[in-house]
C-alpha cells in the first residue's frame, strides 16, 4: 500500500505556484510562509517579486499544501492578501526543503 505523503503517489501529491498580491512585502510575509511550510513538512520556496507580489512554490501532500494555502491567504499581522493566483507546476522540481529566496 502506498503512502499518500510520498512523491510517487500522484493522487495525494500537489505541486503548485501561488502569486500573492496585496500588502505582502515589508510585513514579514516570507518568514510567515517559511515557518508554516517548515511546520507542515513541505518543500518549495518563497520570494518577493519586483512588482510587489510574493511568489510561493510548494510541493507536498495535498492536505498539507491546502493547510499552507490557508496560512498564506490569512497572512501575518500587518499584511493584507488581496488576491492569490494559483497554478499547478510540473512535478519533480527538485525541492529538498522549503527556503526563502
PDB file of N, CA and C in Angstrom:
ATOM      1  N   UNK A   1       0.845  -1.186   0.000  1.00  0.00           N
ATOM      2  CA  UNK A   1       0.000   0.000   0.000  1.00  0.00           C
ATOM      3  C   UNK A   1       0.880   1.235   0.000  1.00  0.00           C
ATOM      4  N   UNK A   2       0.581   2.211  -0.842  1.00  0.00           N
ATOM      5  CA  UNK A   2       1.426   3.399  -0.918  1.00  0.00           C
ATOM      6  C   UNK A   2       1.006   4.440   0.113  1.00  0.00           C
ATOM      7  N   UNK A   3       1.977   5.230   0.530  1.00  0.00           N
ATOM      8  CA  UNK A   3       1.764   6.289   1.500  1.00  0.00           C
ATOM      9  C   UNK A   3       1.423   7.563   0.739  1.00  0.00           C
ATOM     10  N   UNK A   4       0.261   8.224   1.014  1.00  0.00           N
ATOM     11  CA  UNK A   4      -0.105   9.424   0.270  1.00  0.00           C
ATOM     12  C   UNK A   4       0.868  10.578   0.476  1.00  0.00           C
ATOM     13  N   UNK A   5       1.747  10.483   1.474  1.00  0.00           N
ATOM     14  CA  UNK A   5       2.726  11.533   1.701  1.00  0.00           C
ATOM     15  C   UNK A   5       3.983  11.382   0.875  1.00  0.00           C
ATOM     16  N   UNK A   6       4.046  10.348   0.049  1.00  0.00           N
ATOM     17  CA  UNK A   6       5.251  10.113  -0.753  1.00  0.00           C
ATOM     18  C   UNK A   6       5.071  10.686  -2.148  1.00  0.00           C
ATOM     19  N   UNK A   7       6.120  11.288  -2.729  1.00  0.00           N
ATOM     20  CA  UNK A   7       6.016  11.895  -4.051  1.00  0.00           C
ATOM     21  C   UNK A   7       5.576  10.942  -5.150  1.00  0.00           C
ATOM     22  N   UNK A   8       5.824   9.649  -5.022  1.00  0.00           N
ATOM     23  CA  UNK A   8       5.456   8.703  -6.061  1.00  0.00           C
ATOM     24  C   UNK A   8       3.958   8.474  -6.173  1.00  0.00           C
ATOM     25  N   UNK A   9       3.200   8.871  -5.192  1.00  0.00           N
ATOM     26  CA  UNK A   9       1.747   8.683  -5.193  1.00  0.00           C
ATOM     27  C   UNK A   9       1.089   9.945  -5.749  1.00  0.00           C
ATOM     28  N   UNK A  10       0.819   9.953  -7.028  1.00  0.00           N
ATOM     29  CA  UNK A  10       0.283  11.134  -7.697  1.00  0.00           C
ATOM     30  C   UNK A  10      -1.067  11.576  -7.147  1.00  0.00           C
ATOM     31  N   UNK A  11      -1.868  10.661  -6.660  1.00  0.00           N
ATOM     32  CA  UNK A  11      -3.204  11.022  -6.213  1.00  0.00           C
ATOM     33  C   UNK A  11      -3.195  11.853  -4.934  1.00  0.00           C
ATOM     34  N   UNK A  12      -2.149  11.783  -4.154  1.00  0.00           N
ATOM     35  CA  UNK A  12      -2.121  12.510  -2.888  1.00  0.00           C
ATOM     36  C   UNK A  12      -1.104  13.621  -2.828  1.00  0.00           C
ATOM     37  N   UNK A  13      -0.575  14.035  -3.967  1.00  0.00           N
ATOM     38  CA  UNK A  13       0.553  14.971  -4.010  1.00  0.00           C
ATOM     39  C   UNK A  13       0.199  16.200  -4.840  1.00  0.00           C
ATOM     40  N   UNK A  14       0.667  17.364  -4.417  1.00  0.00           N
ATOM     41  CA  UNK A  14       0.417  18.601  -5.170  1.00  0.00           C
ATOM     42  C   UNK A  14       1.720  19.369  -5.343  1.00  0.00           C
ATOM     43  N   UNK A  15       1.880  19.981  -6.507  1.00  0.00           N
ATOM     44  CA  UNK A  15       2.986  20.895  -6.781  1.00  0.00           C
ATOM     45  C   UNK A  15       2.353  22.141  -7.387  1.00  0.00           C
ATOM     46  N   UNK A  16       2.425  23.263  -6.655  1.00  0.00           N
ATOM     47  CA  UNK A  16       1.710  24.469  -7.074  1.00  0.00           C
ATOM     48  C   UNK A  16       2.573  25.712  -6.978  1.00  0.00           C
ATOM     49  N   UNK A  17       2.142  26.726  -7.709  1.00  0.00           N
ATOM     50  CA  UNK A  17       2.745  28.064  -7.658  1.00  0.00           C
ATOM     51  C   UNK A  17       1.641  29.037  -7.308  1.00  0.00           C
ATOM     52  N   UNK A  18       1.903  29.888  -6.328  1.00  0.00           N
ATOM     53  CA  UNK A  18       0.938  30.903  -5.924  1.00  0.00           C
ATOM     54  C   UNK A  18       1.573  32.275  -6.086  1.00  0.00           C
ATOM     55  N   UNK A  19       0.829  33.195  -6.664  1.00  0.00           N
ATOM     56  CA  UNK A  19       1.235  34.588  -6.741  1.00  0.00           C
ATOM     57  C   UNK A  19       0.301  35.371  -5.823  1.00  0.00           C
ATOM     58  N   UNK A  20       0.885  35.995  -4.822  1.00  0.00           N
ATOM     59  CA  UNK A  20       0.108  36.659  -3.784  1.00  0.00           C
ATOM     60  C   UNK A  20       0.243  38.171  -3.950  1.00  0.00           C
ATOM     61  N   UNK A  21      -0.897  38.843  -4.074  1.00  0.00           N
ATOM     62  CA  UNK A  21      -0.935  40.304  -4.243  1.00  0.00           C
ATOM     63  C   UNK A  21      -1.556  40.945  -3.009  1.00  0.00           C
ATOM     64  N   UNK A  22      -1.224  42.196  -2.802  1.00  0.00           N
ATOM     65  CA  UNK A  22      -1.753  42.962  -1.676  1.00  0.00           C
ATOM     66  C   UNK A  22      -0.610  43.585  -0.907  1.00  0.00           C
ATOM     67  N   UNK A  23      -0.795  43.770   0.373  1.00  0.00           N
ATOM     68  CA  UNK A  23       0.283  44.270   1.231  1.00  0.00           C
ATOM     69  C   UNK A  23       1.036  43.048   1.750  1.00  0.00           C
ATOM     70  N   UNK A  24       1.995  42.590   0.960  1.00  0.00           N
ATOM     71  CA  UNK A  24       2.682  41.327   1.264  1.00  0.00           C
ATOM     72  C   UNK A  24       4.204  41.452   1.284  1.00  0.00           C
ATOM     73  N   UNK A  25       4.713  42.654   1.080  1.00  0.00           N
ATOM     74  CA  UNK A  25       6.158  42.865   1.195  1.00  0.00           C
ATOM     75  C   UNK A  25       6.409  43.863   2.313  1.00  0.00           C
ATOM     76  N   UNK A  26       7.484  43.611   3.069  1.00  0.00           N
ATOM     77  CA  UNK A  26       7.837  44.500   4.169  1.00  0.00           C
ATOM     78  C   UNK A  26       7.025  44.254   5.436  1.00  0.00           C
ATOM     79  N   UNK A  27       6.335  43.113   5.510  1.00  0.00           N
ATOM     80  CA  UNK A  27       5.492  42.805   6.673  1.00  0.00           C
ATOM     81  C   UNK A  27       5.806  41.423   7.264  1.00  0.00           C
ATOM     82  N   UNK A  28       6.924  40.836   6.873  1.00  0.00           N
ATOM     83  CA  UNK A  28       7.304  39.514   7.374  1.00  0.00           C
ATOM     84  C   UNK A  28       6.572  38.370   6.707  1.00  0.00           C
ATOM     85  N   UNK A  29       6.029  38.607   5.536  1.00  0.00           N
ATOM     86  CA  UNK A  29       5.215  37.610   4.848  1.00  0.00           C
ATOM     87  C   UNK A  29       6.017  36.362   4.483  1.00  0.00           C
ATOM     88  N   UNK A  30       7.210  36.549   3.899  1.00  0.00           N
ATOM     89  CA  UNK A  30       8.007  35.386   3.501  1.00  0.00           C
ATOM     90  C   UNK A  30       8.368  34.511   4.702  1.00  0.00           C
ATOM     91  N   UNK A  31       8.727  35.135   5.818  1.00  0.00           N
ATOM     92  CA  UNK A  31       9.095  34.374   7.014  1.00  0.00           C
ATOM     93  C   UNK A  31       7.877  33.651   7.594  1.00  0.00           C
ATOM     94  N   UNK A  32       6.722  34.281   7.500  1.00  0.00           N
ATOM     95  CA  UNK A  32       5.469  33.673   7.944  1.00  0.00           C
ATOM     96  C   UNK A  32       5.189  32.397   7.135  1.00  0.00           C
ATOM     97  N   UNK A  33       5.337  32.487   5.817  1.00  0.00           N
ATOM     98  CA  UNK A  33       5.120  31.338   4.935  1.00  0.00           C
ATOM     99  C   UNK A  33       6.177  30.264   5.197  1.00  0.00           C
ATOM    100  N   UNK A  34       7.416  30.683   5.329  1.00  0.00           N
ATOM    101  CA  UNK A  34       8.522  29.750   5.576  1.00  0.00           C
ATOM    102  C   UNK A  34       8.290  28.939   6.850  1.00  0.00           C
ATOM    103  N   UNK A  35       7.953  29.619   7.941  1.00  0.00           N
ATOM    104  CA  UNK A  35       7.740  28.918   9.210  1.00  0.00           C
ATOM    105  C   UNK A  35       6.592  27.915   9.109  1.00  0.00           C
ATOM    106  N   UNK A  36       5.507  28.312   8.452  1.00  0.00           N
ATOM    107  CA  UNK A  36       4.363  27.407   8.296  1.00  0.00           C
ATOM    108  C   UNK A  36       4.739  26.208   7.425  1.00  0.00           C
ATOM    109  N   UNK A  37       5.457  26.441   6.334  1.00  0.00           N
ATOM    110  CA  UNK A  37       5.874  25.351   5.446  1.00  0.00           C
ATOM    111  C   UNK A  37       6.768  24.370   6.201  1.00  0.00           C
ATOM    112  N   UNK A  38       7.652  24.887   7.037  1.00  0.00           N
ATOM    113  CA  UNK A  38       8.503  24.024   7.855  1.00  0.00           C
ATOM    114  C   UNK A  38       7.657  23.179   8.805  1.00  0.00           C
ATOM    115  N   UNK A  39       6.675  23.814   9.434  1.00  0.00           N
ATOM    116  CA  UNK A  39       5.787  23.120  10.365  1.00  0.00           C
ATOM    117  C   UNK A  39       5.025  21.984   9.678  1.00  0.00           C
ATOM    118  N   UNK A  40       4.597  22.217   8.432  1.00  0.00           N
ATOM    119  CA  UNK A  40       3.827  21.228   7.684  1.00  0.00           C
ATOM    120  C   UNK A  40       4.712  20.221   6.948  1.00  0.00           C
ATOM    121  N   UNK A  41       6.032  20.407   6.987  1.00  0.00           N
ATOM    122  CA  UNK A  41       6.944  19.476   6.340  1.00  0.00           C
ATOM    123  C   UNK A  41       6.898  19.534   4.821  1.00  0.00           C
ATOM    124  N   UNK A  42       6.714  20.741   4.275  1.00  0.00           N
ATOM    125  CA  UNK A  42       6.606  20.919   2.828  1.00  0.00           C
ATOM    126  C   UNK A  42       7.924  21.364   2.218  1.00  0.00           C
ATOM    127  N   UNK A  43       8.060  21.167   0.930  1.00  0.00           N
ATOM    128  CA  UNK A  43       9.237  21.603   0.181  1.00  0.00           C
ATOM    129  C   UNK A  43       8.808  22.720  -0.770  1.00  0.00           C
ATOM    130  N   UNK A  44       9.760  23.562  -1.152  1.00  0.00           N
ATOM    131  CA  UNK A  44       9.481  24.643  -2.092  1.00  0.00           C
ATOM    132  C   UNK A  44      10.264  25.881  -1.731  1.00  0.00           C
ATOM    133  N   UNK A  45       9.720  27.043  -2.124  1.00  0.00           N
ATOM    134  CA  UNK A  45      10.368  28.301  -1.792  1.00  0.00           C
ATOM    135  C   UNK A  45       9.379  29.456  -1.861  1.00  0.00           C
ATOM    136  N   UNK A  46       9.819  30.586  -1.316  1.00  0.00           N
ATOM    137  CA  UNK A  46       9.025  31.808  -1.325  1.00  0.00           C
ATOM    138  C   UNK A  46       9.969  32.964  -1.618  1.00  0.00           C
ATOM    139  N   UNK A  47       9.497  33.925  -2.421  1.00  0.00           N
ATOM    140  CA  UNK A  47      10.351  35.079  -2.732  1.00  0.00           C
ATOM    141  C   UNK A  47       9.500  36.290  -3.065  1.00  0.00           C
ATOM    142  N   UNK A  48      10.090  37.471  -2.853  1.00  0.00           N
ATOM    143  CA  UNK A  48       9.476  38.723  -3.278  1.00  0.00           C
ATOM    144  C   UNK A  48       9.714  38.895  -4.769  1.00  0.00           C
ATOM    145  N   UNK A  49       8.720  39.420  -5.469  1.00  0.00           N
ATOM    146  CA  UNK A  49       8.865  39.748  -6.885  1.00  0.00           C
ATOM    147  C   UNK A  49       9.011  41.260  -7.030  1.00  0.00           C
ATOM    148  N   UNK A  50       9.685  41.713  -8.076  1.00  0.00           N
ATOM    149  CA  UNK A  50       9.895  43.154  -8.267  1.00  0.00           C
ATOM    150  C   UNK A  50       8.592  43.958  -8.377  1.00  0.00           C
ATOM    151  N   UNK A  51       7.501  43.317  -8.775  1.00  0.00           N
ATOM    152  CA  UNK A  51       6.230  44.041  -8.950  1.00  0.00           C
ATOM    153  C   UNK A  51       5.416  44.158  -7.661  1.00  0.00           C
ATOM    154  N   UNK A  52       5.980  43.739  -6.519  1.00  0.00           N
ATOM    155  CA  UNK A  52       5.300  43.870  -5.236  1.00  0.00           C
ATOM    156  C   UNK A  52       4.555  42.627  -4.781  1.00  0.00           C
ATOM    157  N   UNK A  53       4.476  41.623  -5.634  1.00  0.00           N
ATOM    158  CA  UNK A  53       3.827  40.374  -5.238  1.00  0.00           C
ATOM    159  C   UNK A  53       4.838  39.445  -4.577  1.00  0.00           C
ATOM    160  N   UNK A  54       4.324  38.382  -3.989  1.00  0.00           N
ATOM    161  CA  UNK A  54       5.158  37.318  -3.433  1.00  0.00           C
ATOM    162  C   UNK A  54       4.824  36.043  -4.198  1.00  0.00           C
ATOM    163  N   UNK A  55       5.866  35.302  -4.578  1.00  0.00           N
ATOM    164  CA  UNK A  55       5.693  34.023  -5.255  1.00  0.00           C
ATOM    165  C   UNK A  55       5.990  32.903  -4.269  1.00  0.00           C
ATOM    166  N   UNK A  56       5.083  31.927  -4.215  1.00  0.00           N
ATOM    167  CA  UNK A  56       5.276  30.732  -3.399  1.00  0.00           C
ATOM    168  C   UNK A  56       5.212  29.533  -4.331  1.00  0.00           C
ATOM    169  N   UNK A  57       6.222  28.675  -4.267  1.00  0.00           N
ATOM    170  CA  UNK A  57       6.186  27.391  -4.970  1.00  0.00           C
ATOM    171  C   UNK A  57       6.244  26.327  -3.888  1.00  0.00           C
ATOM    172  N   UNK A  58       5.318  25.384  -3.956  1.00  0.00           N
ATOM    173  CA  UNK A  58       5.201  24.412  -2.875  1.00  0.00           C
ATOM    174  C   UNK A  58       4.901  23.034  -3.431  1.00  0.00           C
ATOM    175  N   UNK A  59       5.451  22.037  -2.749  1.00  0.00           N
ATOM    176  CA  UNK A  59       5.279  20.648  -3.159  1.00  0.00           C
ATOM    177  C   UNK A  59       5.101  19.794  -1.907  1.00  0.00           C
ATOM    178  N   UNK A  60       4.088  18.917  -1.935  1.00  0.00           N
ATOM    179  CA  UNK A  60       3.879  18.032  -0.802  1.00  0.00           C
ATOM    180  C   UNK A  60       2.509  17.398  -0.845  1.00  0.00           C
ATOM    181  N   UNK A  61       2.152  16.696   0.227  1.00  0.00           N
ATOM    182  CA  UNK A  61       0.835  16.081   0.309  1.00  0.00           C
ATOM    183  C   UNK A  61      -0.277  17.135   0.192  1.00  0.00           C
ATOM    184  N   UNK A  62      -1.322  16.800  -0.543  1.00  0.00           N
ATOM    185  CA  UNK A  62      -2.398  17.762  -0.827  1.00  0.00           C
ATOM    186  C   UNK A  62      -2.956  18.395   0.433  1.00  0.00           C
ATOM    187  N   UNK A  63      -3.200  17.612   1.468  1.00  0.00           N
ATOM    188  CA  UNK A  63      -3.796  18.185   2.679  1.00  0.00           C
ATOM    189  C   UNK A  63      -2.873  19.213   3.330  1.00  0.00           C
ATOM    190  N   UNK A  64      -1.570  18.975   3.296  1.00  0.00           N
ATOM    191  CA  UNK A  64      -0.621  19.926   3.889  1.00  0.00           C
ATOM    192  C   UNK A  64      -0.462  21.169   3.012  1.00  0.00           C
ATOM    193  N   UNK A  65      -0.493  20.972   1.694  1.00  0.00           N
ATOM    194  CA  UNK A  65      -0.436  22.119   0.777  1.00  0.00           C
ATOM    195  C   UNK A  65      -1.672  22.991   0.990  1.00  0.00           C
ATOM    196  N   UNK A  66      -2.821  22.392   1.159  1.00  0.00           N
ATOM    197  CA  UNK A  66      -4.056  23.140   1.431  1.00  0.00           C
ATOM    198  C   UNK A  66      -3.962  23.903   2.750  1.00  0.00           C
ATOM    199  N   UNK A  67      -3.362  23.278   3.756  1.00  0.00           N
ATOM    200  CA  UNK A  67      -3.183  23.946   5.046  1.00  0.00           C
ATOM    201  C   UNK A  67      -2.269  25.161   4.898  1.00  0.00           C
ATOM    202  N   UNK A  68      -1.203  25.021   4.105  1.00  0.00           N
ATOM    203  CA  UNK A  68      -0.311  26.158   3.879  1.00  0.00           C
ATOM    204  C   UNK A  68      -1.041  27.261   3.121  1.00  0.00           C
ATOM    205  N   UNK A  69      -1.860  26.897   2.160  1.00  0.00           N
ATOM    206  CA  UNK A  69      -2.606  27.904   1.407  1.00  0.00           C
ATOM    207  C   UNK A  69      -3.482  28.744   2.349  1.00  0.00           C
ATOM    208  N   UNK A  70      -4.108  28.113   3.327  1.00  0.00           N
ATOM    209  CA  UNK A  70      -4.920  28.849   4.297  1.00  0.00           C
ATOM    210  C   UNK A  70      -4.066  29.840   5.085  1.00  0.00           C
ATOM    211  N   UNK A  71      -2.858  29.436   5.447  1.00  0.00           N
ATOM    212  CA  UNK A  71      -1.930  30.331   6.149  1.00  0.00           C
ATOM    213  C   UNK A  71      -1.547  31.499   5.252  1.00  0.00           C
ATOM    214  N   UNK A  72      -1.261  31.219   3.991  1.00  0.00           N
ATOM    215  CA  UNK A  72      -0.882  32.264   3.030  1.00  0.00           C
ATOM    216  C   UNK A  72      -2.034  33.241   2.833  1.00  0.00           C
ATOM    217  N   UNK A  73      -3.249  32.730   2.709  1.00  0.00           N
ATOM    218  CA  UNK A  73      -4.414  33.601   2.493  1.00  0.00           C
ATOM    219  C   UNK A  73      -4.677  34.525   3.677  1.00  0.00           C
ATOM    220  N   UNK A  74      -4.372  34.073   4.885  1.00  0.00           N
ATOM    221  CA  UNK A  74      -4.589  34.929   6.055  1.00  0.00           C
ATOM    222  C   UNK A  74      -3.420  35.880   6.287  1.00  0.00           C
ATOM    223  N   UNK A  75      -2.204  35.438   5.986  1.00  0.00           N
ATOM    224  CA  UNK A  75      -1.023  36.284   6.134  1.00  0.00           C
ATOM    225  C   UNK A  75      -0.703  36.604   7.575  1.00  0.00           C
ATOM    226  N   UNK A  76       0.467  37.215   7.807  1.00  0.00           N
ATOM    227  CA  UNK A  76       0.863  37.609   9.158  1.00  0.00           C
ATOM    228  C   UNK A  76       0.192  38.935   9.538  1.00  0.00           C
ATOM    229  N   UNK A  77       0.244  39.303  10.812  1.00  0.00           N
ATOM    230  CA  UNK A  77      -0.286  40.618  11.208  1.00  0.00           C
ATOM    231  C   UNK A  77       0.379  41.728  10.396  1.00  0.00           C
ATOM    232  N   UNK A  78      -0.386  42.693   9.975  1.00  0.00           N
ATOM    233  CA  UNK A  78       0.142  43.812   9.195  1.00  0.00           C
ATOM    234  C   UNK A  78       0.066  43.596   7.697  1.00  0.00           C
ATOM    235  N   UNK A  79      -0.233  42.389   7.281  1.00  0.00           N
ATOM    236  CA  UNK A  79      -0.351  42.118   5.845  1.00  0.00           C
ATOM    237  C   UNK A  79      -1.823  42.170   5.438  1.00  0.00           C
ATOM    238  N   UNK A  80      -2.040  42.215   4.128  1.00  0.00           N
ATOM    239  CA  UNK A  80      -3.387  42.132   3.578  1.00  0.00           C
ATOM    240  C   UNK A  80      -3.286  41.431   2.237  1.00  0.00           C
ATOM    241  N   UNK A  81      -3.849  40.241   2.160  1.00  0.00           N
ATOM    242  CA  UNK A  81      -3.831  39.487   0.911  1.00  0.00           C
ATOM    243  C   UNK A  81      -5.063  39.893   0.106  1.00  0.00           C
ATOM    244  N   UNK A  82      -4.820  40.519  -1.045  1.00  0.00           N
ATOM    245  CA  UNK A  82      -5.914  40.968  -1.912  1.00  0.00           C
ATOM    246  C   UNK A  82      -6.275  39.899  -2.939  1.00  0.00           C
ATOM    247  N   UNK A  83      -5.279  39.133  -3.365  1.00  0.00           N
ATOM    248  CA  UNK A  83      -5.517  38.136  -4.412  1.00  0.00           C
ATOM    249  C   UNK A  83      -4.463  37.039  -4.325  1.00  0.00           C
ATOM    250  N   UNK A  84      -4.888  35.809  -4.600  1.00  0.00           N
ATOM    251  CA  UNK A  84      -3.964  34.686  -4.660  1.00  0.00           C
ATOM    252  C   UNK A  84      -4.263  33.925  -5.950  1.00  0.00           C
ATOM    253  N   UNK A  85      -3.318  33.975  -6.878  1.00  0.00           N
ATOM    254  CA  UNK A  85      -3.448  33.266  -8.158  1.00  0.00           C
ATOM    255  C   UNK A  85      -2.736  31.927  -8.024  1.00  0.00           C
ATOM    256  N   UNK A  86      -3.411  30.869  -8.414  1.00  0.00           N
ATOM    257  CA  UNK A  86      -2.867  29.514  -8.270  1.00  0.00           C
ATOM    258  C   UNK A  86      -2.667  28.869  -9.630  1.00  0.00           C
ATOM    259  N   UNK A  87      -1.538  28.205  -9.785  1.00  0.00           N
ATOM    260  CA  UNK A  87      -1.315  27.377 -10.968  1.00  0.00           C
ATOM    261  C   UNK A  87      -0.576  26.120 -10.531  1.00  0.00           C
ATOM    262  N   UNK A  88      -0.799  25.057 -11.265  1.00  0.00           N
ATOM    263  CA  UNK A  88      -0.108  23.802 -10.980  1.00  0.00           C
ATOM    264  C   UNK A  88       1.239  23.824 -11.691  1.00  0.00           C
ATOM    265  N   UNK A  89       2.218  23.219 -11.056  1.00  0.00           N
ATOM    266  CA  UNK A  89       3.547  23.096 -11.640  1.00  0.00           C
ATOM    267  C   UNK A  89       3.816  21.645 -11.975  1.00  0.00           C
ATOM    268  N   UNK A  90       4.744  21.443 -12.876  1.00  0.00           N
ATOM    269  CA  UNK A  90       5.189  20.088 -13.189  1.00  0.00           C
ATOM    270  C   UNK A  90       5.888  19.520 -11.961  1.00  0.00           C
ATOM    271  N   UNK A  91       5.648  18.274 -11.694  1.00  0.00           N
ATOM    272  CA  UNK A  91       6.256  17.626 -10.529  1.00  0.00           C
ATOM    273  C   UNK A  91       7.753  17.445 -10.725  1.00  0.00           C
ATOM    274  N   UNK A  92       8.421  17.207  -9.622  1.00  0.00           N
ATOM    275  CA  UNK A  92       9.839  16.879  -9.679  1.00  0.00           C
ATOM    276  C   UNK A  92      10.747  18.071  -9.895  1.00  0.00           C
ATOM    277  N   UNK A  93      10.431  19.207  -9.272  1.00  0.00           N
ATOM    278  CA  UNK A  93      11.275  20.389  -9.413  1.00  0.00           C
ATOM    279  C   UNK A  93      12.551  20.294  -8.581  1.00  0.00           C
ATOM    280  N   UNK A  94      12.674  19.237  -7.806  1.00  0.00           N
ATOM    281  CA  UNK A  94      13.909  19.002  -7.067  1.00  0.00           C
ATOM    282  C   UNK A  94      14.010  19.717  -5.735  1.00  0.00           C
ATOM    283  N   UNK A  95      12.882  20.182  -5.189  1.00  0.00           N
ATOM    284  CA  UNK A  95      12.922  20.805  -3.867  1.00  0.00           C
ATOM    285  C   UNK A  95      13.255  19.755  -2.826  1.00  0.00           C
ATOM    286  N   UNK A  96      14.207  20.057  -1.953  1.00  0.00           N
ATOM    287  CA  UNK A  96      14.554  19.141  -0.869  1.00  0.00           C
ATOM    288  C   UNK A  96      14.022  19.639   0.461  1.00  0.00           C
ATOM    289  N   UNK A  97      13.778  20.936   0.543  1.00  0.00           N
ATOM    290  CA  UNK A  97      13.269  21.559   1.762  1.00  0.00           C
ATOM    291  C   UNK A  97      12.539  22.833   1.334  1.00  0.00           C
ATOM    292  N   UNK A  98      12.141  23.648   2.284  1.00  0.00           N
ATOM    293  CA  UNK A  98      11.496  24.915   1.964  1.00  0.00           C
ATOM    294  C   UNK A  98      12.478  26.041   2.269  1.00  0.00           C
ATOM    295  N   UNK A  99      12.585  27.010   1.366  1.00  0.00           N
ATOM    296  CA  UNK A  99      13.557  28.073   1.549  1.00  0.00           C
ATOM    297  C   UNK A  99      12.977  29.438   1.178  1.00  0.00           C
ATOM    298  N   UNK A 100      13.662  30.464   1.635  1.00  0.00           N
ATOM    299  CA  UNK A 100      13.348  31.837   1.246  1.00  0.00           C
ATOM    300  C   UNK A 100      14.389  32.236   0.218  1.00  0.00           C
ATOM    301  N   UNK A 101      13.926  32.720  -0.930  1.00  0.00           N
ATOM    302  CA  UNK A 101      14.864  33.144  -1.975  1.00  0.00           C
ATOM    303  C   UNK A 101      14.962  34.646  -1.983  1.00  0.00           C
TER     304      UNK A 101
END
